[in-house]
C-alpha cells in the first residue's frame, strides 16, 4: 500500500515540476521581451526565479518518492 502511495506521489510531483518548468520558461520569455513594459518584465523575471525554485523542489521530492518505490 505504501509503495502505491509513493508511486502516486512521484507522478504528482513530476507533473507539478513540469508545470513549474513550463511557467518558468514562459516567464523568462516575457522577461526578455523588449516590447513589454519594464514593470511587467521585472515581475516575470521574479516569477521565473520562484518557478525555478518550485521546479527544483518538486523534482527533488519526485526523486525521493521514486527511490522509495524502487526499494
Protein backbone atom coordinates (compact mmCIF):
# COMPACT_ATOMS: atom_id res chain seq x y z
CA UNK A 1 0.00 0.00 0.00
CA UNK A 2 2.78 2.42 0.92
CA UNK A 3 4.56 1.71 -2.38
CA UNK A 4 1.42 2.62 -4.34
CA UNK A 5 1.11 5.85 -2.37
CA UNK A 6 4.73 6.71 -3.10
CA UNK A 7 4.19 5.96 -6.81
CA UNK A 8 1.22 8.34 -6.89
CA UNK A 9 3.27 10.98 -5.07
CA UNK A 10 6.08 10.52 -7.61
CA UNK A 11 3.70 11.10 -10.52
CA UNK A 12 2.14 14.10 -8.80
CA UNK A 13 5.49 15.73 -8.03
CA UNK A 14 6.72 15.04 -11.57
CA UNK A 15 3.66 16.74 -13.06
CA UNK A 16 3.96 19.71 -10.71
CA UNK A 17 7.66 20.01 -11.55
CA UNK A 18 6.88 20.03 -15.27
CA UNK A 19 4.19 22.68 -14.78
CA UNK A 20 6.60 24.87 -12.82
CA UNK A 21 9.20 24.40 -15.55
CA UNK A 22 6.74 25.46 -18.24
CA UNK A 23 5.73 28.51 -16.22
CA UNK A 24 9.40 29.37 -15.68
CA UNK A 25 10.07 29.26 -19.42
CA UNK A 26 7.01 31.41 -20.19
CA UNK A 27 8.08 33.98 -17.60
CA UNK A 28 11.62 34.00 -18.97
CA UNK A 29 10.25 34.83 -22.43
CA UNK A 30 8.17 37.71 -21.04
CA UNK A 31 11.18 38.99 -19.09
CA UNK A 32 13.25 39.05 -22.31
CA UNK A 33 10.55 40.72 -24.44
CA UNK A 34 11.56 44.30 -25.17
CA UNK A 35 8.01 45.16 -26.25
CA UNK A 36 6.67 44.66 -22.72
CA UNK A 37 6.84 47.42 -20.10
CA UNK A 38 9.64 47.24 -17.55
CA UNK A 39 7.49 46.52 -14.50
CA UNK A 40 5.92 43.51 -16.24
CA UNK A 41 9.34 42.27 -17.30
CA UNK A 42 10.68 42.59 -13.75
CA UNK A 43 7.65 40.80 -12.33
CA UNK A 44 8.07 37.99 -14.88
CA UNK A 45 11.76 37.66 -14.01
CA UNK A 46 10.90 37.41 -10.31
CA UNK A 47 8.22 34.84 -11.07
CA UNK A 48 10.68 32.83 -13.19
CA UNK A 49 13.05 32.60 -10.22
CA UNK A 50 10.20 31.44 -7.99
CA UNK A 51 9.12 28.90 -10.60
CA UNK A 52 12.68 27.57 -10.81
CA UNK A 53 12.74 27.05 -7.04
CA UNK A 54 9.38 25.27 -7.17
CA UNK A 55 10.53 23.14 -10.10
CA UNK A 56 13.67 22.08 -8.24
CA UNK A 57 11.68 21.29 -5.10
CA UNK A 58 9.13 19.18 -6.95
CA UNK A 59 11.83 17.34 -8.88
CA UNK A 60 13.73 16.60 -5.67
CA UNK A 61 10.60 15.29 -3.97
CA UNK A 62 9.78 13.19 -7.04
CA UNK A 63 13.22 11.62 -6.90
CA UNK A 64 12.75 10.72 -3.23
CA UNK A 65 9.41 9.06 -4.00
CA UNK A 66 10.95 7.25 -6.96
CA UNK A 67 13.76 5.87 -4.83
CA UNK A 68 11.25 4.68 -2.23
CA UNK A 69 9.29 2.82 -4.92
CA UNK A 70 12.46 1.18 -6.27
CA UNK A 71 13.41 -0.18 -2.84
